[in-house]
Amino acid sequence: GVCGRSLDITQFHSYHELRRELGQMFGIEGFLEDPQRSGWQLVFVDRENDILLLGDDPWEAFVNNVWYIKILSPEDVQKLGKEEAKSLNRGAVERMSSSTSADDRDLVSGMPSLGSLEY
């Protein structure tokens, strides 16, 4: 299920601090620090409605552009499809179309997640 929470992103100074806090907030401590081992992934949607892998941008750029974060369980990552999951595990940034069609907008709202944080 989806559980939304608000968080002041400016209280953090690094991805490590943010990952640790998110793990504590959602009761999944230790799973977000090592996505390669655990299979859990953090992605964020920026202000242009692009979906990106959390941690690929410099911290300051992330803070200035994040709209919300999604926590994906290993099962949710598998649902993204084999190619997308491979790209996420390699640490590549995945961009989804931000065109104005209803189908594309549904990609963002329909993404499975454990939690969603808006800023």
Foldseek 3Di string as FASTA:
>chain_A
DEDEDADDLVVDDDPVVVQQVVCVVLVNHPQDVDCLPQVKFKWFQWPLRWIWGPPPDPPVVCNVTGFKMFIAHNVLLVVVDDVSSVCVSVVHIDTQDSDDDPVSVCVVVVRDGHYMYGD
